[in-house]
Amino acid sequence: MDFLHIDDLTPDQLRSVLTRAMAVKRDPASVYDHLVHRSVGLFFQKPSTRTRVSAELAAAETGAHPVVLGQQEVGMGSREAPKDVAGVLDRYLDLIAMRVFDHQDLIDVATHAEAPVVNLLSDLEHPCQALADLQTIAEHRPFEGAVVAYVGDGNNVLHSLMVGATMLGMEVRVATPAGYEPDPAYVAKARRYGAVEVTNDPYAAVAGADVVYTDVWASMGQESEAEERARLFSPYQVDLRLFESAAGDAIFLHCLPAHRGQEVTDEVIDHPRSRVLDQAENRKHTFKALLLDLLE
């Protein structure tokens, strides 16, 4: 099975992965030797801190051998076609995890590799991030009936979060500037599982919410738009006033890296109810659970 989209898992499978992630977090030693003699490829076209470290450690701490590759070495799409990269890596590796610009590259590799292919981030989705987000929410409160408010750019992180949250019984409210809403296909997909509201009013989205989530206004590859986006997104900054319009015990999430003073203020990201470091830590635990699910 490949994991290119959050809903490549069924709702029951998603709950199972999260349950295992929480068990692994409580008792890391319980899985130290489960993937001995397995090899996990980690390929990065984009820079990475959390994904690189969490995935490499997750492989090593379950007994697998991580092999880290960069675009300079592989040259996928320039020096070598994705189809050929897939064929070669498939002969070496038990699982291929990839962080790419173009989601189609993941599809091409998955089409030509028998080994499971995992999306470590593409322009359309970031499903491994969503697993960590969902584990962090689960550590705060039950999924059923929870309200997740996302404020900012309708990007890949939101696509996976929106679908994953509704799969587990949560309501999602999204506030973006006009023209920066999430892909309608992902809104429709999420609405097959539960309630999704898309608005241009951040206060309408956040009012009474249990989780407040934001992300950078300009992602990697959008640097040329950063100045214009900063102007358009400034009313969508998560400051203390906006955060305090959520539920009294609401938590704040951000997938990081954060641009402090842009999409979020220091007083929110450093707030006692900010869970961004738990969220980052949970990248490792959820990737371990995913590896175990795909390779055991």
C-alpha atoms as a PDB file:
ATOM      1  CA  MET A   1       0.000   0.000   0.000  1.00  0.00           C
ATOM      2  CA  ASP A   2       1.190   3.520  -0.796  1.00  0.00           C
ATOM      3  CA  PHE A   3       0.583   6.533   1.436  1.00  0.00           C
ATOM      4  CA  LEU A   4       0.365   9.468  -0.949  1.00  0.00           C
ATOM      5  CA  HIS A   5      -2.866  10.945   0.451  1.00  0.00           C
ATOM      6  CA  ILE A   6      -4.238  10.956   3.985  1.00  0.00           C
ATOM      7  CA  ASP A   7      -7.295   8.998   2.815  1.00  0.00           C
ATOM      8  CA  ASP A   8      -5.187   6.195   1.374  1.00  0.00           C
ATOM      9  CA  LEU A   9      -5.980   4.972   4.890  1.00  0.00           C
ATOM     10  CA  THR A  10      -9.565   4.207   5.804  1.00  0.00           C
ATOM     11  CA  PRO A  11     -10.923   5.950   8.914  1.00  0.00           C
ATOM     12  CA  ASP A  12     -10.398   2.719  10.886  1.00  0.00           C
ATOM     13  CA  GLN A  13      -6.828   2.366   9.594  1.00  0.00           C
ATOM     14  CA  LEU A  14      -6.141   5.993  10.448  1.00  0.00           C
ATOM     15  CA  ARG A  15      -7.351   5.468  14.014  1.00  0.00           C
ATOM     16  CA  SER A  16      -5.224   2.321  14.230  1.00  0.00           C
ATOM     17  CA  VAL A  17      -2.043   4.138  13.119  1.00  0.00           C
ATOM     18  CA  LEU A  18      -2.687   6.912  15.644  1.00  0.00           C
ATOM     19  CA  THR A  19      -3.382   4.426  18.436  1.00  0.00           C
ATOM     20  CA  ARG A  20      -0.092   2.687  17.672  1.00  0.00           C
ATOM     21  CA  ALA A  21       1.763   6.011  17.507  1.00  0.00           C
ATOM     22  CA  MET A  22       0.593   6.862  21.003  1.00  0.00           C
ATOM     23  CA  ALA A  23       1.612   3.408  22.269  1.00  0.00           C
ATOM     24  CA  VAL A  24       5.060   3.774  20.673  1.00  0.00           C
ATOM     25  CA  LYS A  25       5.438   7.214  22.255  1.00  0.00           C
ATOM     26  CA  ARG A  26       4.717   5.722  25.687  1.00  0.00           C
ATOM     27  CA  ASP A  27       7.081   2.766  25.179  1.00  0.00           C
ATOM     28  CA  PRO A  28       9.657   3.368  22.410  1.00  0.00           C
ATOM     29  CA  ALA A  29      11.659   0.246  23.323  1.00  0.00           C
ATOM     30  CA  SER A  30       8.711  -1.985  22.421  1.00  0.00           C
ATOM     31  CA  VAL A  31       9.447  -1.617  18.689  1.00  0.00           C
ATOM     32  CA  TYR A  32      13.245  -1.279  18.621  1.00  0.00           C
ATOM     33  CA  ASP A  33      13.771  -4.491  16.633  1.00  0.00           C
ATOM     34  CA  HIS A  34      10.556  -4.803  14.643  1.00  0.00           C
ATOM     35  CA  LEU A  35      12.036  -3.734  11.289  1.00  0.00           C
ATOM     36  CA  VAL A  36      15.536  -5.219  11.513  1.00  0.00           C
ATOM     37  CA  HIS A  37      17.039  -5.891   8.041  1.00  0.00           C
ATOM     38  CA  ARG A  38      14.535  -3.530   6.396  1.00  0.00           C
ATOM     39  CA  SER A  39      15.742  -0.532   4.375  1.00  0.00           C
ATOM     40  CA  VAL A  40      13.891   2.771   4.161  1.00  0.00           C
ATOM     41  CA  GLY A  41      14.758   5.342   1.483  1.00  0.00           C
ATOM     42  CA  LEU A  42      14.233   9.023   2.332  1.00  0.00           C
ATOM     43  CA  PHE A  43      14.446  11.285  -0.721  1.00  0.00           C
ATOM     44  CA  PHE A  44      14.332  15.088  -0.461  1.00  0.00           C
ATOM     45  CA  GLN A  45      13.898  17.563  -3.313  1.00  0.00           C
ATOM     46  CA  LYS A  46      13.131  20.306  -0.756  1.00  0.00           C
ATOM     47  CA  PRO A  47      15.014  21.334   2.394  1.00  0.00           C
ATOM     48  CA  SER A  48      13.808  19.657   5.563  1.00  0.00           C
ATOM     49  CA  THR A  49      14.388  19.752   9.316  1.00  0.00           C
ATOM     50  CA  ARG A  50      11.497  18.009  11.090  1.00  0.00           C
ATOM     51  CA  THR A  51      10.691  15.581   8.288  1.00  0.00           C
ATOM     52  CA  ARG A  52      14.320  14.566   7.745  1.00  0.00           C
ATOM     53  CA  VAL A  53      15.167  14.099  11.425  1.00  0.00           C
ATOM     54  CA  SER A  54      11.894  12.476  12.482  1.00  0.00           C
ATOM     55  CA  ALA A  55      11.787  10.053   9.547  1.00  0.00           C
ATOM     56  CA  GLU A  56      15.446   9.053   9.825  1.00  0.00           C
ATOM     57  CA  LEU A  57      15.166   8.458  13.568  1.00  0.00           C
ATOM     58  CA  ALA A  58      11.849   6.640  13.203  1.00  0.00           C
ATOM     59  CA  ALA A  59      13.442   4.191  10.778  1.00  0.00           C
ATOM     60  CA  ALA A  60      16.548   3.689  12.926  1.00  0.00           C
ATOM     61  CA  GLU A  61      14.608   3.341  16.187  1.00  0.00           C
ATOM     62  CA  THR A  62      12.458   0.549  14.741  1.00  0.00           C
ATOM     63  CA  GLY A  63      15.536  -1.338  13.541  1.00  0.00           C
ATOM     64  CA  ALA A  64      15.390  -0.349   9.853  1.00  0.00           C
ATOM     65  CA  HIS A  65      18.307   1.132   7.931  1.00  0.00           C
ATOM     66  CA  PRO A  66      17.554   4.669   6.658  1.00  0.00           C
ATOM     67  CA  VAL A  67      19.123   5.739   3.353  1.00  0.00           C
ATOM     68  CA  VAL A  68      18.913   9.521   2.834  1.00  0.00           C
ATOM     69  CA  LEU A  69      19.102  10.910  -0.707  1.00  0.00           C
ATOM     70  CA  GLY A  70      18.958  14.480  -1.998  1.00  0.00           C
ATOM     71  CA  GLN A  71      18.000  15.899  -5.360  1.00  0.00           C
ATOM     72  CA  GLN A  72      21.653  16.721  -6.102  1.00  0.00           C
ATOM     73  CA  GLU A  73      22.492  13.033  -6.016  1.00  0.00           C
ATOM     74  CA  VAL A  74      19.397  11.699  -7.774  1.00  0.00           C
ATOM     75  CA  GLY A  75      18.474  14.477 -10.209  1.00  0.00           C
ATOM     76  CA  MET A  76      14.935  13.169 -10.549  1.00  0.00           C
ATOM     77  CA  GLY A  77      13.248  14.830 -13.514  1.00  0.00           C
ATOM     78  CA  SER A  78      16.518  16.244 -14.866  1.00  0.00           C
ATOM     79  CA  ARG A  79      19.259  13.606 -14.801  1.00  0.00           C
ATOM     80  CA  GLU A  80      16.868  10.677 -14.505  1.00  0.00           C
ATOM     81  CA  ALA A  81      13.149  10.133 -15.123  1.00  0.00           C
ATOM     82  CA  PRO A  82      10.938   9.349 -12.103  1.00  0.00           C
ATOM     83  CA  LYS A  83      10.102   6.002 -13.726  1.00  0.00           C
ATOM     84  CA  ASP A  84      13.783   4.994 -13.762  1.00  0.00           C
ATOM     85  CA  VAL A  85      14.411   6.299 -10.248  1.00  0.00           C
ATOM     86  CA  ALA A  86      11.483   4.169  -9.092  1.00  0.00           C
ATOM     87  CA  GLY A  87      12.774   1.058 -10.828  1.00  0.00           C
ATOM     88  CA  VAL A  88      16.259   1.358  -9.349  1.00  0.00           C
ATOM     89  CA  LEU A  89      15.244   2.276  -5.790  1.00  0.00           C
ATOM     90  CA  ASP A  90      12.670  -0.511  -5.823  1.00  0.00           C
ATOM     91  CA  ARG A  91      15.494  -3.042  -6.274  1.00  0.00           C
ATOM     92  CA  TYR A  92      17.307  -1.700  -3.189  1.00  0.00           C
ATOM     93  CA  LEU A  93      14.700  -0.517  -0.710  1.00  0.00           C
ATOM     94  CA  ASP A  94      11.733  -1.917   1.193  1.00  0.00           C
ATOM     95  CA  LEU A  95       9.994   1.486   1.338  1.00  0.00           C
ATOM     96  CA  ILE A  96      10.506   4.756  -0.558  1.00  0.00           C
ATOM     97  CA  ALA A  97       9.536   8.014   1.175  1.00  0.00           C
ATOM     98  CA  MET A  98       9.791  11.211  -0.855  1.00  0.00           C
ATOM     99  CA  ARG A  99       9.521  14.980  -0.337  1.00  0.00           C
ATOM    100  CA  VAL A 100       8.876  16.541  -3.749  1.00  0.00           C
ATOM    101  CA  PHE A 101       7.618  19.693  -5.433  1.00  0.00           C
ATOM    102  CA  ASP A 102       5.260  18.026  -7.915  1.00  0.00           C
ATOM    103  CA  HIS A 103       2.762  15.471  -6.633  1.00  0.00           C
ATOM    104  CA  GLN A 104       2.806  13.801 -10.042  1.00  0.00           C
ATOM    105  CA  ASP A 105       6.373  12.649  -9.349  1.00  0.00           C
ATOM    106  CA  LEU A 106       5.059  10.641  -6.396  1.00  0.00           C
ATOM    107  CA  ILE A 107       2.379   9.082  -8.557  1.00  0.00           C
ATOM    108  CA  ASP A 108       4.954   8.186 -11.224  1.00  0.00           C
ATOM    109  CA  VAL A 109       7.272   6.575  -8.678  1.00  0.00           C
ATOM    110  CA  ALA A 110       4.418   4.680  -7.020  1.00  0.00           C
ATOM    111  CA  THR A 111       3.233   3.423 -10.422  1.00  0.00           C
ATOM    112  CA  HIS A 112       6.639   1.908 -11.212  1.00  0.00           C
ATOM    113  CA  ALA A 113       7.711   0.653  -7.762  1.00  0.00           C
ATOM    114  CA  GLU A 114       6.410  -2.380  -5.913  1.00  0.00           C
ATOM    115  CA  ALA A 115       7.683  -1.080  -2.572  1.00  0.00           C
ATOM    116  CA  PRO A 116       5.333   1.201  -0.618  1.00  0.00           C
ATOM    117  CA  VAL A 117       5.782   4.873  -1.510  1.00  0.00           C
ATOM    118  CA  VAL A 118       5.163   7.503   1.195  1.00  0.00           C
ATOM    119  CA  ASN A 119       4.486  11.193   0.623  1.00  0.00           C
ATOM    120  CA  LEU A 120       6.772  13.253   2.865  1.00  0.00           C
ATOM    121  CA  LEU A 121       5.309  16.435   1.283  1.00  0.00           C
ATOM    122  CA  SER A 122       4.150  17.469  -2.165  1.00  0.00           C
ATOM    123  CA  ASP A 123       2.422  20.500  -3.617  1.00  0.00           C
ATOM    124  CA  LEU A 124      -0.959  18.854  -2.970  1.00  0.00           C
ATOM    125  CA  GLU A 125      -0.667  17.106   0.387  1.00  0.00           C
ATOM    126  CA  HIS A 126       1.407  16.594   3.525  1.00  0.00           C
ATOM    127  CA  PRO A 127      -0.197  13.459   4.983  1.00  0.00           C
ATOM    128  CA  CYS A 128       2.614  12.596   7.410  1.00  0.00           C
ATOM    129  CA  GLN A 129       2.215  16.048   8.952  1.00  0.00           C
ATOM    130  CA  ALA A 130      -1.508  15.405   9.297  1.00  0.00           C
ATOM    131  CA  LEU A 131      -0.801  12.210  11.245  1.00  0.00           C
ATOM    132  CA  ALA A 132       1.246  14.212  13.766  1.00  0.00           C
ATOM    133  CA  ASP A 133      -1.409  16.942  13.888  1.00  0.00           C
ATOM    134  CA  LEU A 134      -4.110  14.373  14.626  1.00  0.00           C
ATOM    135  CA  GLN A 135      -2.051  12.660  17.330  1.00  0.00           C
ATOM    136  CA  THR A 136      -1.480  16.040  18.987  1.00  0.00           C
ATOM    137  CA  ILE A 137      -5.212  16.775  18.923  1.00  0.00           C
ATOM    138  CA  ALA A 138      -5.932  13.309  20.362  1.00  0.00           C
ATOM    139  CA  GLU A 139      -3.607  14.093  23.274  1.00  0.00           C
ATOM    140  CA  HIS A 140      -5.774  17.147  23.989  1.00  0.00           C
ATOM    141  CA  ARG A 141      -9.349  15.876  23.614  1.00  0.00           C
ATOM    142  CA  PRO A 142     -11.543  13.250  21.889  1.00  0.00           C
ATOM    143  CA  PHE A 143     -11.953  13.657  18.139  1.00  0.00           C
ATOM    144  CA  GLU A 144     -15.718  13.337  17.975  1.00  0.00           C
ATOM    145  CA  GLY A 145     -17.349  16.763  17.910  1.00  0.00           C
ATOM    146  CA  ALA A 146     -14.094  18.745  18.072  1.00  0.00           C
ATOM    147  CA  VAL A 147     -13.808  21.894  15.955  1.00  0.00           C
ATOM    148  CA  VAL A 148     -10.555  22.606  14.119  1.00  0.00           C
ATOM    149  CA  ALA A 149     -10.097  26.163  12.825  1.00  0.00           C
ATOM    150  CA  TYR A 150      -7.416  26.760  10.207  1.00  0.00           C
ATOM    151  CA  VAL A 151      -6.445  30.337   9.374  1.00  0.00           C
ATOM    152  CA  GLY A 152      -4.199  31.260   6.452  1.00  0.00           C
ATOM    153  CA  ASP A 153      -3.257  29.785   3.103  1.00  0.00           C
ATOM    154  CA  GLY A 154      -5.356  26.975   1.613  1.00  0.00           C
ATOM    155  CA  ASN A 155      -2.284  24.838   1.030  1.00  0.00           C
ATOM    156  CA  ASN A 156      -1.070  21.225   1.043  1.00  0.00           C
ATOM    157  CA  VAL A 157      -0.951  21.042   4.851  1.00  0.00           C
ATOM    158  CA  LEU A 158      -4.576  22.130   5.051  1.00  0.00           C
ATOM    159  CA  HIS A 159      -5.663  19.611   2.390  1.00  0.00           C
ATOM    160  CA  SER A 160      -4.398  16.659   4.423  1.00  0.00           C
ATOM    161  CA  LEU A 161      -5.516  18.086   7.769  1.00  0.00           C
ATOM    162  CA  MET A 162      -9.007  18.880   6.497  1.00  0.00           C
ATOM    163  CA  VAL A 163      -9.620  15.394   5.133  1.00  0.00           C
ATOM    164  CA  GLY A 164      -7.980  13.606   8.068  1.00  0.00           C
ATOM    165  CA  ALA A 165      -9.902  15.607  10.674  1.00  0.00           C
ATOM    166  CA  THR A 166     -13.291  14.979   9.083  1.00  0.00           C
ATOM    167  CA  MET A 167     -12.447  11.271   8.681  1.00  0.00           C
ATOM    168  CA  LEU A 168     -12.222  11.135  12.480  1.00  0.00           C
ATOM    169  CA  GLY A 169     -15.445  12.997  13.240  1.00  0.00           C
ATOM    170  CA  MET A 170     -14.212  16.562  13.597  1.00  0.00           C
ATOM    171  CA  GLU A 171     -15.655  19.735  12.112  1.00  0.00           C
ATOM    172  CA  VAL A 172     -13.249  21.928  10.143  1.00  0.00           C
ATOM    173  CA  ARG A 173     -13.536  25.671   9.607  1.00  0.00           C
ATOM    174  CA  VAL A 174     -11.163  27.382   7.200  1.00  0.00           C
ATOM    175  CA  ALA A 175     -10.517  31.126   6.868  1.00  0.00           C
ATOM    176  CA  THR A 176      -8.412  32.392   3.952  1.00  0.00           C
ATOM    177  CA  PRO A 177      -8.204  35.565   1.886  1.00  0.00           C
ATOM    178  CA  ALA A 178     -10.376  35.512  -1.231  1.00  0.00           C
ATOM    179  CA  GLY A 179      -8.619  33.563  -3.953  1.00  0.00           C
ATOM    180  CA  TYR A 180      -6.493  31.513  -1.540  1.00  0.00           C
ATOM    181  CA  GLU A 181      -9.095  28.959  -0.503  1.00  0.00           C
ATOM    182  CA  PRO A 182      -8.226  25.248  -0.452  1.00  0.00           C
ATOM    183  CA  ASP A 183      -8.626  23.202  -3.632  1.00  0.00           C
ATOM    184  CA  PRO A 184     -12.387  22.602  -4.126  1.00  0.00           C
ATOM    185  CA  ALA A 185     -11.689  18.919  -4.812  1.00  0.00           C
ATOM    186  CA  TYR A 186     -10.227  18.572  -1.307  1.00  0.00           C
ATOM    187  CA  VAL A 187     -13.121  20.470   0.247  1.00  0.00           C
ATOM    188  CA  ALA A 188     -15.528  18.105  -1.512  1.00  0.00           C
ATOM    189  CA  LYS A 189     -13.504  15.080  -0.384  1.00  0.00           C
ATOM    190  CA  ALA A 190     -13.499  16.255   3.248  1.00  0.00           C
ATOM    191  CA  ARG A 191     -17.230  16.968   3.124  1.00  0.00           C
ATOM    192  CA  ARG A 192     -17.861  13.327   2.246  1.00  0.00           C
ATOM    193  CA  TYR A 193     -16.729  12.570   5.793  1.00  0.00           C
ATOM    194  CA  GLY A 194     -17.981  15.571   7.764  1.00  0.00           C
ATOM    195  CA  ALA A 195     -18.668  19.292   8.044  1.00  0.00           C
ATOM    196  CA  VAL A 196     -16.334  21.826   6.433  1.00  0.00           C
ATOM    197  CA  GLU A 197     -16.937  25.581   6.365  1.00  0.00           C
ATOM    198  CA  VAL A 198     -14.805  27.858   4.180  1.00  0.00           C
ATOM    199  CA  THR A 199     -14.952  31.572   4.896  1.00  0.00           C
ATOM    200  CA  ASN A 200     -12.934  34.757   4.457  1.00  0.00           C
ATOM    201  CA  ASP A 201     -13.600  35.774   8.099  1.00  0.00           C
ATOM    202  CA  PRO A 202     -10.963  34.492  10.573  1.00  0.00           C
ATOM    203  CA  TYR A 203     -13.110  35.342  13.601  1.00  0.00           C
ATOM    204  CA  ALA A 204     -16.032  33.348  12.228  1.00  0.00           C
ATOM    205  CA  ALA A 205     -13.729  30.358  11.785  1.00  0.00           C
ATOM    206  CA  VAL A 206     -12.027  30.541  15.187  1.00  0.00           C
ATOM    207  CA  ALA A 207     -15.039  31.397  17.396  1.00  0.00           C
ATOM    208  CA  GLY A 208     -15.357  28.634  20.008  1.00  0.00           C
ATOM    209  CA  ALA A 209     -12.947  26.295  18.203  1.00  0.00           C
ATOM    210  CA  ASP A 210     -11.023  23.592  20.082  1.00  0.00           C
ATOM    211  CA  VAL A 211      -7.932  23.790  17.855  1.00  0.00           C
ATOM    212  CA  VAL A 212      -6.489  26.847  16.092  1.00  0.00           C
ATOM    213  CA  TYR A 213      -4.007  26.051  13.319  1.00  0.00           C
ATOM    214  CA  THR A 214      -1.981  28.224  10.973  1.00  0.00           C
ATOM    215  CA  ASP A 215       0.929  27.870   8.560  1.00  0.00           C
ATOM    216  CA  VAL A 216       3.319  30.131   6.672  1.00  0.00           C
ATOM    217  CA  TRP A 217       1.778  32.504   4.162  1.00  0.00           C
ATOM    218  CA  ALA A 218       4.270  31.664   1.392  1.00  0.00           C
ATOM    219  CA  SER A 219       5.493  28.085   1.113  1.00  0.00           C
ATOM    220  CA  MET A 220       8.717  26.869  -0.493  1.00  0.00           C
ATOM    221  CA  GLY A 221       8.552  27.714  -4.185  1.00  0.00           C
ATOM    222  CA  GLN A 222       6.336  30.763  -3.590  1.00  0.00           C
ATOM    223  CA  GLU A 223       9.092  33.157  -2.512  1.00  0.00           C
ATOM    224  CA  SER A 224       8.357  35.540  -5.400  1.00  0.00           C
ATOM    225  CA  GLU A 225       4.823  35.997  -4.007  1.00  0.00           C
ATOM    226  CA  ALA A 226       5.907  36.636  -0.425  1.00  0.00           C
ATOM    227  CA  GLU A 227       5.511  40.430  -0.441  1.00  0.00           C
ATOM    228  CA  GLU A 228       2.056  40.359  -2.026  1.00  0.00           C
ATOM    229  CA  ARG A 229       0.946  37.531   0.224  1.00  0.00           C
ATOM    230  CA  ALA A 230       2.134  39.404   3.323  1.00  0.00           C
ATOM    231  CA  ARG A 231      -0.126  42.302   2.367  1.00  0.00           C
ATOM    232  CA  LEU A 232      -3.166  40.112   1.671  1.00  0.00           C
ATOM    233  CA  PHE A 233      -2.729  37.798   4.654  1.00  0.00           C
ATOM    234  CA  SER A 234      -1.987  40.356   7.363  1.00  0.00           C
ATOM    235  CA  PRO A 235      -5.637  40.366   8.594  1.00  0.00           C
ATOM    236  CA  TYR A 236      -5.265  36.590   9.070  1.00  0.00           C
ATOM    237  CA  GLN A 237      -2.441  36.749  11.600  1.00  0.00           C
ATOM    238  CA  VAL A 238      -3.169  34.572  14.636  1.00  0.00           C
ATOM    239  CA  ASP A 239      -2.621  37.056  17.434  1.00  0.00           C
ATOM    240  CA  LEU A 240      -3.767  36.777  21.044  1.00  0.00           C
ATOM    241  CA  ARG A 241      -7.097  38.481  20.355  1.00  0.00           C
ATOM    242  CA  LEU A 242      -7.976  35.982  17.629  1.00  0.00           C
ATOM    243  CA  PHE A 243      -6.714  32.991  19.630  1.00  0.00           C
ATOM    244  CA  GLU A 244      -8.718  34.040  22.688  1.00  0.00           C
ATOM    245  CA  SER A 245     -11.918  33.980  20.624  1.00  0.00           C
ATOM    246  CA  ALA A 246     -11.531  30.172  20.497  1.00  0.00           C
ATOM    247  CA  ALA A 247     -12.668  27.866  23.313  1.00  0.00           C
ATOM    248  CA  GLY A 248     -11.146  28.553  26.727  1.00  0.00           C
ATOM    249  CA  ASP A 249      -9.009  25.397  26.555  1.00  0.00           C
ATOM    250  CA  ALA A 250      -8.198  25.587  22.826  1.00  0.00           C
ATOM    251  CA  ILE A 251      -4.732  24.583  21.680  1.00  0.00           C
ATOM    252  CA  PHE A 252      -2.588  26.263  19.034  1.00  0.00           C
ATOM    253  CA  LEU A 253      -0.885  24.264  16.287  1.00  0.00           C
ATOM    254  CA  HIS A 254       1.612  25.168  13.564  1.00  0.00           C
ATOM    255  CA  CYS A 255       3.507  22.642  11.428  1.00  0.00           C
ATOM    256  CA  LEU A 256       6.684  24.803  11.550  1.00  0.00           C
ATOM    257  CA  PRO A 257       8.880  26.503  10.528  1.00  0.00           C
ATOM    258  CA  ALA A 258       7.014  29.587  11.727  1.00  0.00           C
ATOM    259  CA  HIS A 259       7.558  33.149  10.624  1.00  0.00           C
ATOM    260  CA  ARG A 260       7.021  34.871  13.959  1.00  0.00           C
ATOM    261  CA  GLY A 261       5.359  38.245  13.587  1.00  0.00           C
ATOM    262  CA  GLN A 262       3.710  37.214  10.315  1.00  0.00           C
ATOM    263  CA  GLU A 263       1.183  34.360  10.478  1.00  0.00           C
ATOM    264  CA  VAL A 264       1.498  34.114  14.278  1.00  0.00           C
ATOM    265  CA  THR A 265       2.660  36.369  17.095  1.00  0.00           C
ATOM    266  CA  ASP A 266       5.155  35.360  19.774  1.00  0.00           C
ATOM    267  CA  GLU A 267       2.504  35.491  22.487  1.00  0.00           C
ATOM    268  CA  VAL A 268       0.465  32.799  20.700  1.00  0.00           C
ATOM    269  CA  ILE A 269       3.206  30.440  19.533  1.00  0.00           C
ATOM    270  CA  ASP A 270       4.788  30.672  23.010  1.00  0.00           C
ATOM    271  CA  HIS A 271       1.413  30.469  24.786  1.00  0.00           C
ATOM    272  CA  PRO A 272       0.963  27.824  27.527  1.00  0.00           C
ATOM    273  CA  ARG A 273      -1.623  26.169  25.259  1.00  0.00           C
ATOM    274  CA  SER A 274       0.632  26.116  22.221  1.00  0.00           C
ATOM    275  CA  ARG A 275       1.419  22.516  21.283  1.00  0.00           C
ATOM    276  CA  VAL A 276       3.805  23.126  18.374  1.00  0.00           C
ATOM    277  CA  LEU A 277       6.704  21.245  19.974  1.00  0.00           C
ATOM    278  CA  ASP A 278       4.498  18.266  20.858  1.00  0.00           C
ATOM    279  CA  GLN A 279       3.331  18.374  17.258  1.00  0.00           C
ATOM    280  CA  ALA A 280       6.919  18.330  15.985  1.00  0.00           C
ATOM    281  CA  GLU A 281       7.849  15.461  18.319  1.00  0.00           C
ATOM    282  CA  ASN A 282       4.826  13.487  17.174  1.00  0.00           C
ATOM    283  CA  ARG A 283       6.186  13.488  13.619  1.00  0.00           C
ATOM    284  CA  LYS A 284       8.605  10.777  14.805  1.00  0.00           C
ATOM    285  CA  HIS A 285       6.056   8.660  16.633  1.00  0.00           C
ATOM    286  CA  THR A 286       3.499   8.717  13.827  1.00  0.00           C
ATOM    287  CA  PHE A 287       6.142   7.905  11.206  1.00  0.00           C
ATOM    288  CA  LYS A 288       7.219   4.927  13.297  1.00  0.00           C
ATOM    289  CA  ALA A 289       3.622   3.727  13.431  1.00  0.00           C
ATOM    290  CA  LEU A 290       3.245   4.210   9.687  1.00  0.00           C
ATOM    291  CA  LEU A 291       6.450   2.269   8.955  1.00  0.00           C
ATOM    292  CA  LEU A 292       5.303  -0.554  11.176  1.00  0.00           C
ATOM    293  CA  ASP A 293       1.909  -0.607   9.487  1.00  0.00           C
ATOM    294  CA  LEU A 294       3.463  -0.758   6.002  1.00  0.00           C
ATOM    295  CA  LEU A 295       6.437  -3.055   6.616  1.00  0.00           C
ATOM    296  CA  GLU A 296       5.673  -5.504   9.434  1.00  0.00           C
END
